[in-house]
């Protein structure tokens, strides 16, 4: 699917971010219900508090908070595999 969309060369971080964005959108759509309106989608997204995506720290939105996450992972680069390896949990961004 990634290759068909022309994203084969993109970084894994941007791919993970896109998956998290899609998971959040799907959850917002589920919570908004069948009679979807923009206002209802906004309300359902603003009601997401500590929502677990599986690939990011818990996601929280609100009327005055439109940033998905205020944390970052601690990783090291593995030169042999040219990949990131986690070395710790999520740390808050300040």
N, C-alpha and C. Protein backbone atom coordinates (compact mmCIF):
# COMPACT_ATOMS: atom_id res chain seq x y z
N UNK A 1 0.84 -1.19 0.00
CA UNK A 1 0.00 0.00 0.00
C UNK A 1 0.88 1.25 0.00
N UNK A 2 1.93 1.22 0.83
CA UNK A 2 2.84 2.36 0.91
C UNK A 2 3.50 2.62 -0.45
N UNK A 3 3.94 1.55 -1.10
CA UNK A 3 4.58 1.70 -2.40
C UNK A 3 3.60 2.22 -3.45
N UNK A 4 2.37 1.74 -3.41
CA UNK A 4 1.37 2.18 -4.38
C UNK A 4 1.05 3.67 -4.21
N UNK A 5 1.16 4.16 -2.98
CA UNK A 5 0.88 5.57 -2.71
C UNK A 5 2.10 6.45 -2.95
N UNK A 6 3.22 5.83 -3.30
CA UNK A 6 4.42 6.61 -3.57
C UNK A 6 5.17 7.00 -2.32
N UNK A 7 4.95 6.31 -1.22
CA UNK A 7 5.61 6.67 0.04
C UNK A 7 6.69 5.72 0.46
N UNK A 8 7.23 4.93 -0.46
CA UNK A 8 8.22 3.92 -0.09
C UNK A 8 9.48 4.53 0.49
N UNK A 9 9.86 5.73 0.07
CA UNK A 9 11.09 6.32 0.55
C UNK A 9 10.95 7.18 1.79
N UNK A 10 9.77 7.32 2.31
CA UNK A 10 9.56 8.19 3.46
C UNK A 10 10.06 7.54 4.74
N UNK A 11 10.35 8.38 5.72
CA UNK A 11 10.88 7.88 6.98
C UNK A 11 9.81 7.14 7.77
N UNK A 12 10.26 6.25 8.61
CA UNK A 12 9.33 5.50 9.46
C UNK A 12 8.61 6.42 10.44
N UNK A 13 9.29 7.49 10.87
CA UNK A 13 8.66 8.43 11.79
C UNK A 13 7.45 9.10 11.15
N UNK A 14 7.58 9.52 9.88
CA UNK A 14 6.45 10.16 9.21
C UNK A 14 5.34 9.14 8.93
N UNK A 15 5.72 7.89 8.68
CA UNK A 15 4.72 6.85 8.47
C UNK A 15 3.95 6.58 9.76
N UNK A 16 4.67 6.50 10.89
CA UNK A 16 4.01 6.28 12.18
C UNK A 16 3.10 7.44 12.52
N UNK A 17 3.55 8.65 12.23
CA UNK A 17 2.73 9.83 12.49
C UNK A 17 1.44 9.79 11.67
N UNK A 18 1.55 9.38 10.41
CA UNK A 18 0.36 9.27 9.56
C UNK A 18 -0.61 8.22 10.08
N UNK A 19 -0.08 7.11 10.58
CA UNK A 19 -0.95 6.06 11.14
C UNK A 19 -1.66 6.59 12.38
N UNK A 20 -0.93 7.28 13.26
CA UNK A 20 -1.54 7.84 14.46
C UNK A 20 -2.63 8.84 14.08
N UNK A 21 -2.35 9.69 13.10
CA UNK A 21 -3.36 10.66 12.64
C UNK A 21 -4.61 9.95 12.14
N UNK A 22 -4.42 8.86 11.40
CA UNK A 22 -5.57 8.10 10.88
C UNK A 22 -6.35 7.45 12.01
N UNK A 23 -5.65 6.91 13.01
CA UNK A 23 -6.33 6.29 14.17
C UNK A 23 -7.16 7.33 14.91
N UNK A 24 -6.61 8.52 15.09
CA UNK A 24 -7.33 9.59 15.78
C UNK A 24 -8.55 10.02 14.96
N UNK A 25 -8.39 10.16 13.64
CA UNK A 25 -9.52 10.53 12.79
C UNK A 25 -10.63 9.49 12.84
N UNK A 26 -10.27 8.22 12.74
CA UNK A 26 -11.27 7.15 12.79
C UNK A 26 -12.00 7.18 14.12
N UNK A 27 -11.28 7.36 15.22
CA UNK A 27 -11.94 7.43 16.54
C UNK A 27 -12.88 8.62 16.61
N UNK A 28 -12.43 9.77 16.08
CA UNK A 28 -13.30 10.95 16.07
C UNK A 28 -14.56 10.72 15.25
N UNK A 29 -14.42 10.06 14.10
CA UNK A 29 -15.58 9.76 13.27
C UNK A 29 -16.53 8.79 13.96
N UNK A 30 -15.98 7.78 14.64
CA UNK A 30 -16.83 6.83 15.37
C UNK A 30 -17.63 7.54 16.44
N UNK A 31 -16.96 8.42 17.17
CA UNK A 31 -17.62 9.13 18.26
C UNK A 31 -18.63 10.16 17.76
N UNK A 32 -18.40 10.69 16.55
CA UNK A 32 -19.31 11.69 15.99
C UNK A 32 -20.63 11.08 15.57
N UNK A 33 -20.62 9.80 15.21
CA UNK A 33 -21.86 9.13 14.84
C UNK A 33 -22.21 9.25 13.37
N UNK A 34 -23.36 8.68 13.03
CA UNK A 34 -23.77 8.62 11.62
C UNK A 34 -24.16 9.96 11.03
N UNK A 35 -24.77 10.81 11.80
CA UNK A 35 -25.18 12.13 11.29
C UNK A 35 -24.00 13.08 11.40
N UNK A 36 -23.00 12.85 10.58
CA UNK A 36 -21.74 13.57 10.68
C UNK A 36 -21.89 15.02 10.19
N UNK A 37 -21.44 15.90 11.05
CA UNK A 37 -21.32 17.32 10.72
C UNK A 37 -19.96 17.77 11.24
N UNK A 38 -19.43 18.82 10.66
CA UNK A 38 -18.11 19.31 11.09
C UNK A 38 -18.10 19.64 12.58
N UNK A 39 -19.17 20.27 13.06
CA UNK A 39 -19.23 20.64 14.47
C UNK A 39 -19.20 19.41 15.37
N UNK A 40 -19.91 18.37 14.96
CA UNK A 40 -19.95 17.13 15.74
C UNK A 40 -18.57 16.46 15.75
N UNK A 41 -17.87 16.47 14.61
CA UNK A 41 -16.53 15.91 14.56
C UNK A 41 -15.58 16.71 15.45
N UNK A 42 -15.67 18.03 15.40
CA UNK A 42 -14.85 18.88 16.28
C UNK A 42 -15.10 18.53 17.75
N UNK A 43 -16.37 18.39 18.11
CA UNK A 43 -16.72 18.06 19.50
C UNK A 43 -16.16 16.70 19.90
N UNK A 44 -16.26 15.73 19.01
CA UNK A 44 -15.78 14.39 19.36
C UNK A 44 -14.26 14.37 19.49
N UNK A 45 -13.55 15.11 18.65
CA UNK A 45 -12.09 15.18 18.77
C UNK A 45 -11.68 15.93 20.04
N UNK A 46 -12.42 16.99 20.36
CA UNK A 46 -12.11 17.74 21.58
C UNK A 46 -12.36 16.93 22.84
N UNK A 47 -13.14 15.87 22.73
CA UNK A 47 -13.43 15.02 23.88
C UNK A 47 -12.39 13.91 24.07
N UNK A 48 -11.40 13.83 23.17
CA UNK A 48 -10.37 12.80 23.32
C UNK A 48 -9.40 13.21 24.42
N UNK A 49 -9.36 12.42 25.48
CA UNK A 49 -8.46 12.68 26.59
C UNK A 49 -7.72 11.39 26.91
N UNK A 50 -6.40 11.45 26.83
CA UNK A 50 -5.53 10.29 27.10
C UNK A 50 -5.91 9.09 26.24
N UNK A 51 -6.21 9.36 24.98
CA UNK A 51 -6.58 8.30 24.03
C UNK A 51 -5.33 7.56 23.59
N UNK A 52 -5.30 6.25 23.76
CA UNK A 52 -4.16 5.40 23.41
C UNK A 52 -4.23 5.02 21.94
N UNK A 53 -3.19 5.36 21.19
CA UNK A 53 -3.13 5.02 19.76
C UNK A 53 -2.31 3.77 19.50
N UNK A 54 -1.45 3.42 20.43
CA UNK A 54 -0.58 2.27 20.25
C UNK A 54 0.77 2.61 19.66
N UNK A 55 0.90 3.78 19.04
CA UNK A 55 2.17 4.19 18.44
C UNK A 55 2.70 5.51 18.98
N UNK A 56 1.96 6.12 19.87
CA UNK A 56 2.36 7.43 20.39
C UNK A 56 1.96 7.50 21.86
N UNK A 57 2.44 8.54 22.55
CA UNK A 57 1.92 8.73 23.90
C UNK A 57 0.43 9.03 23.82
N UNK A 58 -0.29 8.92 24.92
CA UNK A 58 -1.74 9.19 24.87
C UNK A 58 -2.04 10.55 24.25
N UNK A 59 -3.08 10.59 23.43
CA UNK A 59 -3.48 11.79 22.71
C UNK A 59 -4.59 12.51 23.47
N UNK A 60 -4.44 13.82 23.61
CA UNK A 60 -5.46 14.63 24.27
C UNK A 60 -5.69 15.89 23.43
N UNK A 61 -6.95 16.17 23.17
CA UNK A 61 -7.34 17.40 22.51
C UNK A 61 -8.32 18.13 23.41
N UNK A 62 -8.59 19.36 23.10
CA UNK A 62 -9.57 20.15 23.83
C UNK A 62 -9.90 21.39 23.03
N UNK A 63 -10.83 22.20 23.51
CA UNK A 63 -11.20 23.41 22.77
C UNK A 63 -10.01 24.34 22.51
N UNK A 64 -9.05 24.36 23.43
CA UNK A 64 -7.89 25.23 23.27
C UNK A 64 -6.60 24.45 23.05
N UNK A 65 -6.72 23.16 22.78
CA UNK A 65 -5.53 22.33 22.57
C UNK A 65 -5.69 21.54 21.28
N UNK A 66 -4.91 21.89 20.27
CA UNK A 66 -4.99 21.24 18.97
C UNK A 66 -3.72 20.48 18.62
N UNK A 67 -2.81 20.34 19.58
CA UNK A 67 -1.58 19.59 19.35
C UNK A 67 -1.81 18.18 19.84
N UNK A 68 -1.50 17.20 18.99
CA UNK A 68 -1.78 15.80 19.29
C UNK A 68 -1.08 15.34 20.56
N UNK A 69 0.22 15.57 20.69
CA UNK A 69 1.00 15.02 21.79
C UNK A 69 2.07 16.00 22.21
N UNK A 70 2.33 16.08 23.49
CA UNK A 70 3.38 16.95 24.00
C UNK A 70 4.49 16.11 24.61
N UNK A 71 4.89 15.05 23.90
CA UNK A 71 5.97 14.18 24.36
C UNK A 71 6.74 13.66 23.16
N UNK A 72 7.92 13.13 23.43
CA UNK A 72 8.76 12.58 22.36
C UNK A 72 9.46 11.32 22.87
N UNK A 73 9.76 10.38 21.97
CA UNK A 73 10.46 9.17 22.40
C UNK A 73 11.97 9.40 22.49
N UNK A 74 12.62 8.63 23.33
CA UNK A 74 14.08 8.62 23.39
C UNK A 74 14.53 7.40 22.60
N UNK A 75 15.36 7.62 21.57
CA UNK A 75 15.80 6.53 20.69
C UNK A 75 17.30 6.63 20.45
N UNK A 76 17.87 5.53 19.96
CA UNK A 76 19.25 5.54 19.49
C UNK A 76 19.22 5.02 18.05
N UNK A 77 20.24 5.37 17.30
CA UNK A 77 20.34 4.91 15.92
C UNK A 77 21.20 3.65 15.90
N UNK A 78 20.68 2.61 15.28
CA UNK A 78 21.42 1.37 15.09
C UNK A 78 22.04 1.44 13.70
N UNK A 79 23.39 1.68 13.61
CA UNK A 79 24.01 1.85 12.30
C UNK A 79 23.92 0.61 11.41
N UNK A 80 23.90 -0.58 12.01
CA UNK A 80 23.86 -1.80 11.21
C UNK A 80 22.55 -1.92 10.44
N UNK A 81 21.44 -1.67 11.12
CA UNK A 81 20.14 -1.80 10.46
C UNK A 81 19.60 -0.48 9.94
N UNK A 82 20.30 0.62 10.27
CA UNK A 82 19.87 1.96 9.87
C UNK A 82 18.45 2.24 10.35
N UNK A 83 18.20 1.88 11.60
CA UNK A 83 16.88 2.07 12.18
C UNK A 83 17.02 2.67 13.57
N UNK A 84 15.93 3.22 14.06
CA UNK A 84 15.89 3.74 15.42
C UNK A 84 15.52 2.62 16.38
N UNK A 85 16.16 2.61 17.54
CA UNK A 85 15.83 1.63 18.58
C UNK A 85 15.45 2.39 19.84
N UNK A 86 14.29 2.10 20.43
CA UNK A 86 13.89 2.82 21.64
C UNK A 86 14.82 2.49 22.80
N UNK A 87 15.15 3.52 23.59
CA UNK A 87 15.98 3.32 24.78
C UNK A 87 15.28 3.79 26.04
N UNK A 88 14.12 4.33 25.91
CA UNK A 88 13.37 4.80 27.05
C UNK A 88 11.93 5.05 26.68
N UNK A 89 11.20 5.55 27.61
CA UNK A 89 9.79 5.86 27.36
C UNK A 89 9.64 7.23 26.73
N UNK A 90 8.46 7.75 26.84
CA UNK A 90 8.16 9.08 26.29
C UNK A 90 8.56 10.13 27.32
N UNK A 91 9.17 11.22 26.87
CA UNK A 91 9.52 12.31 27.77
C UNK A 91 8.68 13.53 27.39
N UNK A 92 8.22 14.28 28.38
CA UNK A 92 7.42 15.46 28.07
C UNK A 92 8.24 16.53 27.36
N UNK A 93 7.62 17.21 26.41
CA UNK A 93 8.27 18.33 25.72
C UNK A 93 7.86 19.62 26.41
N UNK A 94 8.82 20.45 26.66
CA UNK A 94 8.52 21.71 27.32
C UNK A 94 9.09 22.85 26.53
